[in-house]
Amino acid sequence: MTIKIDHFLDITAEVCPMTFVRTRLLIEKMGAGETAEIRLMGEEPLENVPASVAELGHDVLKIGPETEGAETNVHRMLIRKN
Protein backbone atom coordinates (compact mmCIF):
# COMPACT_ATOMS: atom_id res chain seq x y z
CA MET A 1 0.00 0.00 0.00
CA THR A 2 1.34 3.41 -0.98
CA ILE A 3 0.62 6.36 1.28
CA LYS A 4 0.17 9.77 -0.34
CA ILE A 5 2.57 12.32 1.16
CA ASP A 6 0.91 15.73 1.55
CA HIS A 7 3.82 17.60 3.18
CA PHE A 8 7.59 17.28 3.48
CA LEU A 9 9.88 18.78 6.13
CA ASP A 10 13.66 18.50 6.36
CA ILE A 11 14.90 19.21 9.89
CA THR A 12 18.34 17.61 9.53
CA ALA A 13 20.05 20.99 10.04
CA GLU A 14 18.09 21.75 13.23
CA VAL A 15 18.84 20.83 16.84
CA CYS A 16 16.42 20.21 19.70
CA PRO A 17 14.13 21.86 20.61
CA MET A 18 13.85 23.46 17.15
CA THR A 19 13.38 20.05 15.55
CA PHE A 20 10.03 19.65 17.28
CA VAL A 21 9.09 23.34 17.02
CA ARG A 22 9.37 23.13 13.22
CA THR A 23 7.50 19.80 13.21
CA ARG A 24 4.70 21.22 15.36
CA LEU A 25 4.34 24.29 13.11
CA LEU A 26 3.94 21.96 10.15
CA ILE A 27 1.33 19.86 11.99
CA GLU A 28 -0.64 23.02 12.81
CA LYS A 29 -0.82 23.86 9.07
CA MET A 30 -1.93 20.34 8.11
CA GLY A 31 -5.53 19.23 7.77
CA ALA A 32 -6.91 16.23 9.64
CA GLY A 33 -5.95 13.02 7.87
CA GLU A 34 -3.07 14.59 5.95
CA THR A 35 0.36 12.99 6.06
CA ALA A 36 3.85 14.43 6.27
CA GLU A 37 7.27 12.96 5.68
CA ILE A 38 9.88 14.40 8.00
CA ARG A 39 13.61 13.99 7.42
CA LEU A 40 15.57 14.09 10.67
CA MET A 41 19.07 13.36 11.87
CA GLY A 42 20.69 12.61 15.21
CA GLU A 43 19.90 10.54 18.24
CA GLU A 44 18.01 13.21 20.19
CA PRO A 45 15.57 14.24 17.41
CA LEU A 46 15.05 10.58 16.52
CA GLU A 47 13.96 9.90 20.09
CA ASN A 48 12.10 13.13 20.91
CA VAL A 49 10.23 14.13 17.75
CA PRO A 50 8.24 10.88 17.27
CA ALA A 51 7.40 10.78 20.99
CA SER A 52 6.21 14.40 20.93
CA VAL A 53 4.11 13.83 17.80
CA ALA A 54 2.43 10.85 19.50
CA GLU A 55 1.90 12.86 22.72
CA LEU A 56 -0.04 15.42 20.68
CA GLY A 57 -2.34 12.60 19.54
CA HIS A 58 -1.08 12.14 15.99
CA ASP A 59 0.03 8.89 14.36
CA VAL A 60 3.63 7.98 13.63
CA LEU A 61 3.06 5.65 10.68
CA LYS A 62 6.65 4.73 9.91
CA ILE A 63 10.18 5.64 10.86
CA GLY A 64 13.41 4.24 9.50
CA PRO A 65 16.83 4.97 8.06
CA GLU A 66 16.84 7.02 4.89
CA THR A 67 19.29 4.60 3.25
CA GLU A 68 19.57 1.02 4.45
CA GLY A 69 23.05 0.18 5.63
CA ALA A 70 24.31 3.75 5.35
CA GLU A 71 26.65 5.18 7.95
CA THR A 72 24.62 8.39 8.28
CA ASN A 73 22.11 8.90 11.05
CA VAL A 74 19.46 10.38 8.73
CA HIS A 75 15.96 8.94 9.14
CA ARG A 76 12.60 9.54 7.54
CA MET A 77 9.43 9.59 9.58
CA LEU A 78 5.90 9.44 8.23
CA ILE A 79 3.13 10.96 10.35
CA ARG A 80 -0.63 11.47 10.01
CA LYS A 81 -2.49 14.32 11.67
CA ASN A 82 -5.59 13.28 13.61
Foldseek 3Di string as FASTA:
>chain_A
DDDDAPEEEECAVPDPPVLQVVVVVVLVVDDAFHKYKYKYFDDVCVPPNQVVCVVVPWAFPDKDAPDPPDPGRIMIIMIGHD
